[in-house]
């Protein structure tokens, strides 16, 4: 997984917090369904204000769409 976390005039603390949250969601939930596929995530400005639960729901929805049918095809 690759994360692209632009500054968007945020502090290093905010960028690192967001990076750690997304890495944890990936480790717990997405990695298992990812298989041998690559995943690159570019953060949007709205992600800085999102709660962990919102980030988790969005990331799972995107992962489900991205990796749908990648097993066995």
PDB file of N, CA and C in Angstrom:
ATOM      1  N   UNK A   1       0.850  -1.167   0.000  1.00  0.00           N
ATOM      2  CA  UNK A   1       0.000   0.000   0.000  1.00  0.00           C
ATOM      3  C   UNK A   1       0.893   1.226   0.000  1.00  0.00           C
ATOM      4  N   UNK A   2       0.523   2.182  -0.807  1.00  0.00           N
ATOM      5  CA  UNK A   2       1.207   3.458  -0.830  1.00  0.00           C
ATOM      6  C   UNK A   2       0.246   4.566  -0.449  1.00  0.00           C
ATOM      7  N   UNK A   3       0.704   5.466   0.405  1.00  0.00           N
ATOM      8  CA  UNK A   3      -0.128   6.597   0.822  1.00  0.00           C
ATOM      9  C   UNK A   3       0.479   7.893   0.311  1.00  0.00           C
ATOM     10  N   UNK A   4      -0.335   8.707  -0.294  1.00  0.00           N
ATOM     11  CA  UNK A   4       0.079  10.042  -0.699  1.00  0.00           C
ATOM     12  C   UNK A   4      -0.726  11.006   0.168  1.00  0.00           C
ATOM     13  N   UNK A   5      -0.043  11.684   1.066  1.00  0.00           N
ATOM     14  CA  UNK A   5      -0.710  12.569   2.022  1.00  0.00           C
ATOM     15  C   UNK A   5      -0.201  14.005   1.800  1.00  0.00           C
ATOM     16  N   UNK A   6      -0.882  14.769   0.932  1.00  0.00           N
ATOM     17  CA  UNK A   6      -0.470  16.149   0.681  1.00  0.00           C
ATOM     18  C   UNK A   6      -0.632  17.029   1.920  1.00  0.00           C
ATOM     19  N   UNK A   7       0.076  18.118   1.917  1.00  0.00           N
ATOM     20  CA  UNK A   7       0.060  19.014   3.076  1.00  0.00           C
ATOM     21  C   UNK A   7      -1.276  19.709   3.287  1.00  0.00           C
ATOM     22  N   UNK A   8      -1.847  20.256   2.236  1.00  0.00           N
ATOM     23  CA  UNK A   8      -3.106  21.008   2.346  1.00  0.00           C
ATOM     24  C   UNK A   8      -3.069  21.997   3.509  1.00  0.00           C
ATOM     25  N   UNK A   9      -1.938  22.593   3.732  1.00  0.00           N
ATOM     26  CA  UNK A   9      -1.722  23.571   4.800  1.00  0.00           C
ATOM     27  C   UNK A   9      -2.006  22.991   6.176  1.00  0.00           C
ATOM     28  N   UNK A  10      -1.760  21.699   6.339  1.00  0.00           N
ATOM     29  CA  UNK A  10      -1.911  21.045   7.638  1.00  0.00           C
ATOM     30  C   UNK A  10      -0.534  20.848   8.253  1.00  0.00           C
ATOM     31  N   UNK A  11      -0.529  20.616   9.540  1.00  0.00           N
ATOM     32  CA  UNK A  11       0.738  20.418  10.235  1.00  0.00           C
ATOM     33  C   UNK A  11       1.256  19.002  10.000  1.00  0.00           C
ATOM     34  N   UNK A  12       2.513  18.803  10.306  1.00  0.00           N
ATOM     35  CA  UNK A  12       3.115  17.469  10.210  1.00  0.00           C
ATOM     36  C   UNK A  12       2.411  16.502  11.155  1.00  0.00           C
ATOM     37  N   UNK A  13       1.978  17.002  12.301  1.00  0.00           N
ATOM     38  CA  UNK A  13       1.267  16.167  13.272  1.00  0.00           C
ATOM     39  C   UNK A  13      -0.035  15.644  12.661  1.00  0.00           C
ATOM     40  N   UNK A  14      -0.785  16.517  11.990  1.00  0.00           N
ATOM     41  CA  UNK A  14      -2.048  16.110  11.371  1.00  0.00           C
ATOM     42  C   UNK A  14      -1.808  15.109  10.246  1.00  0.00           C
ATOM     43  N   UNK A  15      -0.778  15.346   9.428  1.00  0.00           N
ATOM     44  CA  UNK A  15      -0.467  14.416   8.335  1.00  0.00           C
ATOM     45  C   UNK A  15      -0.067  13.049   8.874  1.00  0.00           C
ATOM     46  N   UNK A  16       0.770  13.022   9.890  1.00  0.00           N
ATOM     47  CA  UNK A  16       1.213  11.749  10.458  1.00  0.00           C
ATOM     48  C   UNK A  16       0.066  11.008  11.149  1.00  0.00           C
ATOM     49  N   UNK A  17      -0.819  11.740  11.819  1.00  0.00           N
ATOM     50  CA  UNK A  17      -1.972  11.116  12.462  1.00  0.00           C
ATOM     51  C   UNK A  17      -2.858  10.448  11.420  1.00  0.00           C
ATOM     52  N   UNK A  18      -3.119  11.150  10.327  1.00  0.00           N
ATOM     53  CA  UNK A  18      -3.936  10.603   9.250  1.00  0.00           C
ATOM     54  C   UNK A  18      -3.253   9.379   8.625  1.00  0.00           C
ATOM     55  N   UNK A  19      -1.957   9.468   8.411  1.00  0.00           N
ATOM     56  CA  UNK A  19      -1.198   8.346   7.848  1.00  0.00           C
ATOM     57  C   UNK A  19      -1.266   7.126   8.762  1.00  0.00           C
ATOM     58  N   UNK A  20      -1.119   7.335  10.070  1.00  0.00           N
ATOM     59  CA  UNK A  20      -1.190   6.218  11.030  1.00  0.00           C
ATOM     60  C   UNK A  20      -2.587   5.605  11.060  1.00  0.00           C
ATOM     61  N   UNK A  21      -3.627   6.419  11.017  1.00  0.00           N
ATOM     62  CA  UNK A  21      -5.000   5.907  11.028  1.00  0.00           C
ATOM     63  C   UNK A  21      -5.270   5.039   9.804  1.00  0.00           C
ATOM     64  N   UNK A  22      -4.890   5.530   8.634  1.00  0.00           N
ATOM     65  CA  UNK A  22      -5.137   4.776   7.408  1.00  0.00           C
ATOM     66  C   UNK A  22      -4.296   3.493   7.360  1.00  0.00           C
ATOM     67  N   UNK A  23      -3.084   3.564   7.849  1.00  0.00           N
ATOM     68  CA  UNK A  23      -2.245   2.357   7.893  1.00  0.00           C
ATOM     69  C   UNK A  23      -2.852   1.306   8.807  1.00  0.00           C
ATOM     70  N   UNK A  24      -3.427   1.730   9.909  1.00  0.00           N
ATOM     71  CA  UNK A  24      -4.058   0.790  10.841  1.00  0.00           C
ATOM     72  C   UNK A  24      -5.311   0.169  10.228  1.00  0.00           C
ATOM     73  N   UNK A  25      -6.118   0.951   9.538  1.00  0.00           N
ATOM     74  CA  UNK A  25      -7.303   0.410   8.862  1.00  0.00           C
ATOM     75  C   UNK A  25      -6.861  -0.601   7.813  1.00  0.00           C
ATOM     76  N   UNK A  26      -5.831  -0.266   7.045  1.00  0.00           N
ATOM     77  CA  UNK A  26      -5.337  -1.190   6.030  1.00  0.00           C
ATOM     78  C   UNK A  26      -4.851  -2.488   6.684  1.00  0.00           C
ATOM     79  N   UNK A  27      -4.080  -2.374   7.758  1.00  0.00           N
ATOM     80  CA  UNK A  27      -3.520  -3.546   8.421  1.00  0.00           C
ATOM     81  C   UNK A  27      -4.619  -4.454   8.976  1.00  0.00           C
ATOM     82  N   UNK A  28      -5.635  -3.868   9.586  1.00  0.00           N
ATOM     83  CA  UNK A  28      -6.696  -4.659  10.214  1.00  0.00           C
ATOM     84  C   UNK A  28      -7.692  -5.257   9.237  1.00  0.00           C
ATOM     85  N   UNK A  29      -8.044  -4.521   8.191  1.00  0.00           N
ATOM     86  CA  UNK A  29      -9.193  -4.927   7.381  1.00  0.00           C
ATOM     87  C   UNK A  29      -8.939  -5.074   5.892  1.00  0.00           C
ATOM     88  N   UNK A  30      -8.136  -4.244   5.318  1.00  0.00           N
ATOM     89  CA  UNK A  30      -8.004  -4.250   3.865  1.00  0.00           C
ATOM     90  C   UNK A  30      -6.957  -5.249   3.396  1.00  0.00           C
ATOM     91  N   UNK A  31      -5.889  -5.408   4.107  1.00  0.00           N
ATOM     92  CA  UNK A  31      -4.790  -6.264   3.694  1.00  0.00           C
ATOM     93  C   UNK A  31      -5.252  -7.673   3.353  1.00  0.00           C
ATOM     94  N   UNK A  32      -6.207  -8.199   4.109  1.00  0.00           N
ATOM     95  CA  UNK A  32      -6.706  -9.549   3.878  1.00  0.00           C
ATOM     96  C   UNK A  32      -7.447  -9.718   2.564  1.00  0.00           C
ATOM     97  N   UNK A  33      -8.138  -8.690   2.105  1.00  0.00           N
ATOM     98  CA  UNK A  33      -8.894  -8.795   0.858  1.00  0.00           C
ATOM     99  C   UNK A  33      -8.115  -8.255  -0.336  1.00  0.00           C
ATOM    100  N   UNK A  34      -6.981  -7.654  -0.083  1.00  0.00           N
ATOM    101  CA  UNK A  34      -6.186  -7.032  -1.134  1.00  0.00           C
ATOM    102  C   UNK A  34      -5.539  -8.077  -2.037  1.00  0.00           C
ATOM    103  N   UNK A  35      -5.168  -9.206  -1.479  1.00  0.00           N
ATOM    104  CA  UNK A  35      -4.509 -10.223  -2.281  1.00  0.00           C
ATOM    105  C   UNK A  35      -3.171  -9.725  -2.796  1.00  0.00           C
ATOM    106  N   UNK A  36      -2.868 -10.028  -4.044  1.00  0.00           N
ATOM    107  CA  UNK A  36      -1.604  -9.611  -4.634  1.00  0.00           C
ATOM    108  C   UNK A  36      -1.688  -8.289  -5.363  1.00  0.00           C
ATOM    109  N   UNK A  37      -2.742  -7.555  -5.151  1.00  0.00           N
ATOM    110  CA  UNK A  37      -2.944  -6.272  -5.832  1.00  0.00           C
ATOM    111  C   UNK A  37      -2.219  -5.146  -5.116  1.00  0.00           C
ATOM    112  N   UNK A  38      -1.826  -4.154  -5.879  1.00  0.00           N
ATOM    113  CA  UNK A  38      -1.241  -2.941  -5.314  1.00  0.00           C
ATOM    114  C   UNK A  38      -2.364  -1.981  -4.946  1.00  0.00           C
ATOM    115  N   UNK A  39      -2.102  -1.168  -3.937  1.00  0.00           N
ATOM    116  CA  UNK A  39      -3.092  -0.182  -3.503  1.00  0.00           C
ATOM    117  C   UNK A  39      -2.375   1.133  -3.265  1.00  0.00           C
ATOM    118  N   UNK A  40      -2.798   2.172  -3.955  1.00  0.00           N
ATOM    119  CA  UNK A  40      -2.247   3.507  -3.774  1.00  0.00           C
ATOM    120  C   UNK A  40      -3.402   4.414  -3.396  1.00  0.00           C
ATOM    121  N   UNK A  41      -3.236   5.138  -2.309  1.00  0.00           N
ATOM    122  CA  UNK A  41      -4.290   6.017  -1.813  1.00  0.00           C
ATOM    123  C   UNK A  41      -3.763   7.446  -1.798  1.00  0.00           C
ATOM    124  N   UNK A  42      -4.480   8.341  -2.467  1.00  0.00           N
ATOM    125  CA  UNK A  42      -4.165   9.766  -2.417  1.00  0.00           C
ATOM    126  C   UNK A  42      -5.239  10.430  -1.576  1.00  0.00           C
ATOM    127  N   UNK A  43      -4.808  11.053  -0.526  1.00  0.00           N
ATOM    128  CA  UNK A  43      -5.712  11.652   0.446  1.00  0.00           C
ATOM    129  C   UNK A  43      -6.305  12.954  -0.104  1.00  0.00           C
ATOM    130  N   UNK A  44      -7.588  13.117   0.157  1.00  0.00           N
ATOM    131  CA  UNK A  44      -8.258  14.360  -0.189  1.00  0.00           C
ATOM    132  C   UNK A  44      -8.307  15.261   1.041  1.00  0.00           C
ATOM    133  N   UNK A  45      -8.520  16.510   0.812  1.00  0.00           N
ATOM    134  CA  UNK A  45      -8.520  17.514   1.885  1.00  0.00           C
ATOM    135  C   UNK A  45      -9.518  17.167   3.007  1.00  0.00           C
ATOM    136  N   UNK A  46     -10.683  16.611   2.644  1.00  0.00           N
ATOM    137  CA  UNK A  46     -11.724  16.310   3.628  1.00  0.00           C
ATOM    138  C   UNK A  46     -11.294  15.239   4.633  1.00  0.00           C
ATOM    139  N   UNK A  47     -10.325  14.426   4.276  1.00  0.00           N
ATOM    140  CA  UNK A  47      -9.905  13.323   5.149  1.00  0.00           C
ATOM    141  C   UNK A  47      -9.301  13.835   6.463  1.00  0.00           C
ATOM    142  N   UNK A  48      -8.731  15.021   6.445  1.00  0.00           N
ATOM    143  CA  UNK A  48      -8.120  15.559   7.669  1.00  0.00           C
ATOM    144  C   UNK A  48      -9.152  15.784   8.769  1.00  0.00           C
ATOM    145  N   UNK A  49     -10.380  16.083   8.407  1.00  0.00           N
ATOM    146  CA  UNK A  49     -11.422  16.339   9.392  1.00  0.00           C
ATOM    147  C   UNK A  49     -12.306  15.141   9.692  1.00  0.00           C
ATOM    148  N   UNK A  50     -12.055  14.016   9.019  1.00  0.00           N
ATOM    149  CA  UNK A  50     -12.915  12.837   9.180  1.00  0.00           C
ATOM    150  C   UNK A  50     -12.564  12.059  10.447  1.00  0.00           C
ATOM    151  N   UNK A  51     -13.570  11.434  11.029  1.00  0.00           N
ATOM    152  CA  UNK A  51     -13.333  10.586  12.198  1.00  0.00           C
ATOM    153  C   UNK A  51     -12.757   9.255  11.737  1.00  0.00           C
ATOM    154  N   UNK A  52     -12.216   8.490  12.682  1.00  0.00           N
ATOM    155  CA  UNK A  52     -11.662   7.174  12.373  1.00  0.00           C
ATOM    156  C   UNK A  52     -12.734   6.279  11.754  1.00  0.00           C
ATOM    157  N   UNK A  53     -13.946   6.341  12.301  1.00  0.00           N
ATOM    158  CA  UNK A  53     -15.052   5.529  11.797  1.00  0.00           C
ATOM    159  C   UNK A  53     -15.400   5.894  10.355  1.00  0.00           C
ATOM    160  N   UNK A  54     -15.414   7.191  10.049  1.00  0.00           N
ATOM    161  CA  UNK A  54     -15.690   7.627   8.682  1.00  0.00           C
ATOM    162  C   UNK A  54     -14.598   7.168   7.718  1.00  0.00           C
ATOM    163  N   UNK A  55     -13.339   7.297   8.143  1.00  0.00           N
ATOM    164  CA  UNK A  55     -12.226   6.846   7.312  1.00  0.00           C
ATOM    165  C   UNK A  55     -12.321   5.346   7.053  1.00  0.00           C
ATOM    166  N   UNK A  56     -12.658   4.618   8.107  1.00  0.00           N
ATOM    167  CA  UNK A  56     -12.761   3.165   8.007  1.00  0.00           C
ATOM    168  C   UNK A  56     -13.868   2.764   7.022  1.00  0.00           C
ATOM    169  N   UNK A  57     -15.028   3.378   7.139  1.00  0.00           N
ATOM    170  CA  UNK A  57     -16.149   3.054   6.258  1.00  0.00           C
ATOM    171  C   UNK A  57     -15.819   3.380   4.808  1.00  0.00           C
ATOM    172  N   UNK A  58     -15.214   4.524   4.578  1.00  0.00           N
ATOM    173  CA  UNK A  58     -14.870   4.924   3.222  1.00  0.00           C
ATOM    174  C   UNK A  58     -13.811   4.007   2.629  1.00  0.00           C
ATOM    175  N   UNK A  59     -12.801   3.678   3.411  1.00  0.00           N
ATOM    176  CA  UNK A  59     -11.733   2.824   2.910  1.00  0.00           C
ATOM    177  C   UNK A  59     -12.236   1.418   2.607  1.00  0.00           C
ATOM    178  N   UNK A  60     -13.139   0.892   3.425  1.00  0.00           N
ATOM    179  CA  UNK A  60     -13.679  -0.442   3.176  1.00  0.00           C
ATOM    180  C   UNK A  60     -14.566  -0.450   1.930  1.00  0.00           C
ATOM    181  N   UNK A  61     -15.329   0.623   1.734  1.00  0.00           N
ATOM    182  CA  UNK A  61     -16.184   0.715   0.550  1.00  0.00           C
ATOM    183  C   UNK A  61     -15.326   0.781  -0.716  1.00  0.00           C
ATOM    184  N   UNK A  62     -14.268   1.567  -0.685  1.00  0.00           N
ATOM    185  CA  UNK A  62     -13.386   1.678  -1.840  1.00  0.00           C
ATOM    186  C   UNK A  62     -12.621   0.380  -2.092  1.00  0.00           C
ATOM    187  N   UNK A  63     -12.180  -0.274  -1.026  1.00  0.00           N
ATOM    188  CA  UNK A  63     -11.452  -1.537  -1.179  1.00  0.00           C
ATOM    189  C   UNK A  63     -12.360  -2.615  -1.761  1.00  0.00           C
ATOM    190  N   UNK A  64     -13.606  -2.651  -1.317  1.00  0.00           N
ATOM    191  CA  UNK A  64     -14.547  -3.643  -1.835  1.00  0.00           C
ATOM    192  C   UNK A  64     -14.765  -3.436  -3.332  1.00  0.00           C
ATOM    193  N   UNK A  65     -14.870  -2.185  -3.753  1.00  0.00           N
ATOM    194  CA  UNK A  65     -15.064  -1.900  -5.171  1.00  0.00           C
ATOM    195  C   UNK A  65     -13.805  -2.190  -5.974  1.00  0.00           C
ATOM    196  N   UNK A  66     -12.649  -1.866  -5.417  1.00  0.00           N
ATOM    197  CA  UNK A  66     -11.388  -2.043  -6.142  1.00  0.00           C
ATOM    198  C   UNK A  66     -11.003  -3.501  -6.288  1.00  0.00           C
ATOM    199  N   UNK A  67     -11.275  -4.320  -5.269  1.00  0.00           N
ATOM    200  CA  UNK A  67     -10.812  -5.695  -5.289  1.00  0.00           C
ATOM    201  C   UNK A  67     -11.919  -6.699  -5.584  1.00  0.00           C
ATOM    202  N   UNK A  68     -13.088  -6.210  -5.934  1.00  0.00           N
ATOM    203  CA  UNK A  68     -14.189  -7.095  -6.279  1.00  0.00           C
ATOM    204  C   UNK A  68     -13.804  -7.916  -7.501  1.00  0.00           C
ATOM    205  N   UNK A  69     -13.924  -9.224  -7.379  1.00  0.00           N
ATOM    206  CA  UNK A  69     -13.647 -10.100  -8.502  1.00  0.00           C
ATOM    207  C   UNK A  69     -12.173 -10.326  -8.785  1.00  0.00           C
ATOM    208  N   UNK A  70     -11.287  -9.820  -7.942  1.00  0.00           N
ATOM    209  CA  UNK A  70      -9.863 -10.006  -8.199  1.00  0.00           C
ATOM    210  C   UNK A  70      -9.386 -11.380  -7.773  1.00  0.00           C
ATOM    211  N   UNK A  71     -10.174 -12.088  -6.968  1.00  0.00           N
ATOM    212  CA  UNK A  71      -9.810 -13.437  -6.545  1.00  0.00           C
ATOM    213  C   UNK A  71     -10.397 -14.441  -7.534  1.00  0.00           C
ATOM    214  N   UNK A  72      -9.551 -15.211  -8.164  1.00  0.00           N
ATOM    215  CA  UNK A  72     -10.017 -16.273  -9.032  1.00  0.00           C
ATOM    216  C   UNK A  72     -10.354 -15.868 -10.438  1.00  0.00           C
ATOM    217  N   UNK A  73     -10.085 -14.628 -10.838  1.00  0.00           N
ATOM    218  CA  UNK A  73     -10.353 -14.222 -12.229  1.00  0.00           C
ATOM    219  C   UNK A  73      -9.059 -14.039 -12.954  1.00  0.00           C
TER     220      UNK A  73
END
